[in-house]
Amino acid sequence: MMWNIPYFFACWNPFRYRISLIEANLMQLIGLIGETLLRNSLPPNEVVLRATASRFILFDGAGLLLLLIALWITRPLKSHSS
């Protein structure tokens, strides 16, 4: 549960807790990289383990994509003064 704290604040108010949204993106990216390295280190004959790791990669990749979209949507807008 402790790893979910940044996600909670990022969902609660992504504008106010933007740093939590950034942390959630970084955590998701680290997980995705770690799972990819793990899957690639498995022997080819470990079909079930490789398939399980691939599902985690797909899930975390989709999550990272959604978090990146949230980060883009909540980006600070620059005011144009003429």
N, C-alpha and C. Protein backbone atom coordinates (compact mmCIF):
# COMPACT_ATOMS: atom_id res chain seq x y z
N MET A 1 0.80 -1.19 0.00
CA MET A 1 0.00 0.00 0.00
C MET A 1 0.85 1.27 0.00
N MET A 2 2.01 1.22 0.63
CA MET A 2 2.81 2.44 0.74
C MET A 2 3.23 2.98 -0.62
N TRP A 3 3.39 2.11 -1.62
CA TRP A 3 3.80 2.55 -2.94
C TRP A 3 2.66 3.26 -3.68
N ASN A 4 1.45 3.13 -3.19
CA ASN A 4 0.30 3.74 -3.85
C ASN A 4 0.01 5.17 -3.40
N ILE A 5 0.72 5.68 -2.41
CA ILE A 5 0.45 7.02 -1.89
C ILE A 5 0.56 8.10 -2.97
N PRO A 6 1.62 8.13 -3.80
CA PRO A 6 1.66 9.17 -4.84
C PRO A 6 0.48 9.07 -5.81
N TYR A 7 0.05 7.85 -6.12
CA TYR A 7 -1.09 7.67 -7.03
C TYR A 7 -2.36 8.26 -6.41
N PHE A 8 -2.53 8.08 -5.11
CA PHE A 8 -3.71 8.60 -4.42
C PHE A 8 -3.79 10.12 -4.56
N PHE A 9 -2.70 10.80 -4.24
CA PHE A 9 -2.70 12.26 -4.31
C PHE A 9 -2.79 12.75 -5.76
N ALA A 10 -2.14 12.02 -6.67
CA ALA A 10 -2.22 12.39 -8.08
C ALA A 10 -3.66 12.29 -8.59
N CYS A 11 -4.40 11.31 -8.11
CA CYS A 11 -5.81 11.17 -8.51
C CYS A 11 -6.70 12.17 -7.78
N TRP A 12 -6.39 12.43 -6.53
CA TRP A 12 -7.22 13.31 -5.71
C TRP A 12 -7.28 14.72 -6.31
N ASN A 13 -6.12 15.27 -6.60
CA ASN A 13 -6.07 16.61 -7.18
C ASN A 13 -4.75 16.75 -7.96
N PRO A 14 -4.76 16.35 -9.25
CA PRO A 14 -3.51 16.34 -10.01
C PRO A 14 -2.91 17.73 -10.25
N PHE A 15 -3.72 18.77 -10.14
CA PHE A 15 -3.18 20.12 -10.30
C PHE A 15 -2.44 20.55 -9.05
N ARG A 16 -3.05 20.32 -7.91
CA ARG A 16 -2.44 20.73 -6.64
C ARG A 16 -1.25 19.84 -6.28
N TYR A 17 -1.37 18.55 -6.55
CA TYR A 17 -0.32 17.58 -6.19
C TYR A 17 0.41 17.09 -7.44
N ARG A 18 0.81 18.02 -8.27
CA ARG A 18 1.48 17.68 -9.53
C ARG A 18 2.75 16.87 -9.29
N ILE A 19 3.46 17.17 -8.22
CA ILE A 19 4.68 16.42 -7.92
C ILE A 19 4.36 14.94 -7.70
N SER A 20 3.22 14.64 -7.12
CA SER A 20 2.82 13.24 -6.94
C SER A 20 2.52 12.58 -8.28
N LEU A 21 1.97 13.34 -9.20
CA LEU A 21 1.71 12.82 -10.54
C LEU A 21 3.04 12.53 -11.25
N ILE A 22 4.00 13.39 -11.07
CA ILE A 22 5.33 13.16 -11.65
C ILE A 22 5.97 11.94 -11.01
N GLU A 23 5.86 11.82 -9.70
CA GLU A 23 6.40 10.64 -9.00
C GLU A 23 5.74 9.36 -9.48
N ALA A 24 4.43 9.40 -9.67
CA ALA A 24 3.71 8.22 -10.15
C ALA A 24 4.20 7.82 -11.54
N ASN A 25 4.45 8.80 -12.40
CA ASN A 25 4.99 8.51 -13.73
C ASN A 25 6.36 7.85 -13.63
N LEU A 26 7.21 8.38 -12.77
CA LEU A 26 8.55 7.81 -12.61
C LEU A 26 8.49 6.40 -12.03
N MET A 27 7.62 6.18 -11.06
CA MET A 27 7.47 4.85 -10.47
C MET A 27 6.98 3.85 -11.52
N GLN A 28 6.05 4.28 -12.34
CA GLN A 28 5.51 3.42 -13.38
C GLN A 28 6.59 3.08 -14.41
N LEU A 29 7.38 4.07 -14.77
CA LEU A 29 8.46 3.85 -15.73
C LEU A 29 9.51 2.88 -15.17
N ILE A 30 9.89 3.04 -13.92
CA ILE A 30 10.86 2.15 -13.29
C ILE A 30 10.33 0.72 -13.26
N GLY A 31 9.05 0.57 -12.91
CA GLY A 31 8.45 -0.76 -12.92
C GLY A 31 8.45 -1.39 -14.30
N LEU A 32 8.13 -0.61 -15.30
CA LEU A 32 8.09 -1.10 -16.67
C LEU A 32 9.49 -1.54 -17.14
N ILE A 33 10.49 -0.74 -16.81
CA ILE A 33 11.87 -1.09 -17.18
C ILE A 33 12.30 -2.36 -16.46
N GLY A 34 12.01 -2.44 -15.17
CA GLY A 34 12.39 -3.62 -14.39
C GLY A 34 11.73 -4.90 -14.90
N GLU A 35 10.44 -4.81 -15.22
CA GLU A 35 9.74 -5.99 -15.73
C GLU A 35 10.27 -6.40 -17.09
N THR A 36 10.63 -5.42 -17.91
CA THR A 36 11.18 -5.73 -19.23
C THR A 36 12.54 -6.42 -19.09
N LEU A 37 13.38 -5.90 -18.20
CA LEU A 37 14.68 -6.53 -17.96
C LEU A 37 14.51 -7.94 -17.41
N LEU A 38 13.56 -8.11 -16.50
CA LEU A 38 13.29 -9.43 -15.93
C LEU A 38 12.86 -10.41 -17.01
N ARG A 39 11.89 -10.00 -17.84
CA ARG A 39 11.42 -10.89 -18.90
C ARG A 39 12.54 -11.24 -19.86
N ASN A 40 13.34 -10.26 -20.22
CA ASN A 40 14.42 -10.52 -21.17
C ASN A 40 15.54 -11.37 -20.58
N SER A 41 15.61 -11.47 -19.27
CA SER A 41 16.64 -12.31 -18.64
C SER A 41 16.18 -13.75 -18.47
N LEU A 42 14.90 -14.01 -18.69
CA LEU A 42 14.38 -15.37 -18.54
C LEU A 42 14.78 -16.22 -19.75
N PRO A 43 15.07 -17.49 -19.50
CA PRO A 43 15.37 -18.39 -20.63
C PRO A 43 14.15 -18.54 -21.54
N PRO A 44 14.38 -18.72 -22.83
CA PRO A 44 13.26 -18.84 -23.78
C PRO A 44 12.30 -19.98 -23.47
N ASN A 45 12.78 -21.02 -22.81
CA ASN A 45 11.90 -22.15 -22.50
C ASN A 45 10.97 -21.90 -21.32
N GLU A 46 11.12 -20.80 -20.63
CA GLU A 46 10.23 -20.43 -19.52
C GLU A 46 9.02 -19.68 -20.07
N VAL A 47 8.20 -20.39 -20.83
CA VAL A 47 7.10 -19.78 -21.56
C VAL A 47 6.07 -19.15 -20.63
N VAL A 48 5.72 -19.83 -19.57
CA VAL A 48 4.69 -19.32 -18.66
C VAL A 48 5.18 -18.06 -17.94
N LEU A 49 6.41 -18.10 -17.45
CA LEU A 49 6.96 -16.92 -16.76
C LEU A 49 7.10 -15.74 -17.72
N ARG A 50 7.55 -16.00 -18.94
CA ARG A 50 7.69 -14.93 -19.93
C ARG A 50 6.33 -14.34 -20.28
N ALA A 51 5.31 -15.19 -20.38
CA ALA A 51 3.96 -14.70 -20.68
C ALA A 51 3.42 -13.86 -19.52
N THR A 52 3.68 -14.28 -18.30
CA THR A 52 3.24 -13.52 -17.13
C THR A 52 3.93 -12.16 -17.09
N ALA A 53 5.23 -12.15 -17.32
CA ALA A 53 5.97 -10.89 -17.35
C ALA A 53 5.46 -9.99 -18.47
N SER A 54 5.12 -10.58 -19.60
CA SER A 54 4.60 -9.79 -20.72
C SER A 54 3.28 -9.13 -20.37
N ARG A 55 2.44 -9.82 -19.60
CA ARG A 55 1.17 -9.22 -19.17
C ARG A 55 1.42 -8.05 -18.23
N PHE A 56 2.38 -8.19 -17.32
CA PHE A 56 2.74 -7.07 -16.44
C PHE A 56 3.27 -5.89 -17.24
N ILE A 57 4.08 -6.18 -18.25
CA ILE A 57 4.63 -5.13 -19.10
C ILE A 57 3.51 -4.40 -19.84
N LEU A 58 2.57 -5.15 -20.37
CA LEU A 58 1.44 -4.55 -21.08
C LEU A 58 0.61 -3.69 -20.13
N PHE A 59 0.32 -4.21 -18.95
CA PHE A 59 -0.47 -3.48 -17.96
C PHE A 59 0.23 -2.19 -17.53
N ASP A 60 1.52 -2.30 -17.19
CA ASP A 60 2.25 -1.12 -16.74
C ASP A 60 2.53 -0.15 -17.88
N GLY A 61 2.68 -0.65 -19.09
CA GLY A 61 2.84 0.23 -20.24
C GLY A 61 1.60 1.05 -20.49
N ALA A 62 0.43 0.41 -20.39
CA ALA A 62 -0.84 1.13 -20.55
C ALA A 62 -1.01 2.15 -19.42
N GLY A 63 -0.65 1.75 -18.21
CA GLY A 63 -0.74 2.67 -17.08
C GLY A 63 0.17 3.87 -17.25
N LEU A 64 1.38 3.64 -17.74
CA LEU A 64 2.31 4.74 -17.98
C LEU A 64 1.77 5.68 -19.06
N LEU A 65 1.19 5.12 -20.10
CA LEU A 65 0.61 5.95 -21.14
C LEU A 65 -0.50 6.85 -20.59
N LEU A 66 -1.37 6.28 -19.77
CA LEU A 66 -2.45 7.07 -19.16
C LEU A 66 -1.90 8.13 -18.21
N LEU A 67 -0.87 7.78 -17.45
CA LEU A 67 -0.27 8.76 -16.55
C LEU A 67 0.41 9.89 -17.32
N LEU A 68 1.05 9.55 -18.43
CA LEU A 68 1.67 10.59 -19.26
C LEU A 68 0.61 11.52 -19.86
N ILE A 69 -0.51 10.96 -20.25
CA ILE A 69 -1.61 11.79 -20.75
C ILE A 69 -2.11 12.72 -19.64
N ALA A 70 -2.26 12.19 -18.43
CA ALA A 70 -2.68 13.02 -17.30
C ALA A 70 -1.67 14.12 -17.03
N LEU A 71 -0.40 13.80 -17.13
CA LEU A 71 0.64 14.80 -16.91
C LEU A 71 0.56 15.90 -17.97
N TRP A 72 0.31 15.51 -19.20
CA TRP A 72 0.20 16.49 -20.28
C TRP A 72 -1.04 17.37 -20.10
N ILE A 73 -2.16 16.75 -19.73
CA ILE A 73 -3.41 17.51 -19.55
C ILE A 73 -3.26 18.54 -18.42
N THR A 74 -2.54 18.20 -17.39
CA THR A 74 -2.43 19.07 -16.21
C THR A 74 -1.20 19.98 -16.27
N ARG A 75 -0.55 20.04 -17.42
CA ARG A 75 0.65 20.88 -17.53
C ARG A 75 0.28 22.35 -17.32
N PRO A 76 1.18 23.08 -16.73
CA PRO A 76 0.93 24.52 -16.56
C PRO A 76 0.89 25.21 -17.93
N LEU A 77 -0.12 26.01 -18.14
CA LEU A 77 -0.24 26.74 -19.40
C LEU A 77 0.48 28.08 -19.26
N LYS A 78 1.23 28.40 -20.27
CA LYS A 78 1.95 29.68 -20.28
C LYS A 78 1.00 30.76 -20.78
N SER A 79 0.98 31.87 -20.08
CA SER A 79 0.13 32.97 -20.52
C SER A 79 0.86 33.77 -21.60
N HIS A 80 0.13 34.16 -22.59
CA HIS A 80 0.69 34.95 -23.68
C HIS A 80 0.36 36.42 -23.46
N SER A 81 1.36 37.20 -23.19
CA SER A 81 1.13 38.63 -23.00
C SER A 81 1.66 39.38 -24.20
N SER A 82 0.84 40.25 -24.74
CA SER A 82 1.22 41.01 -25.93
C SER A 82 1.48 42.45 -25.57
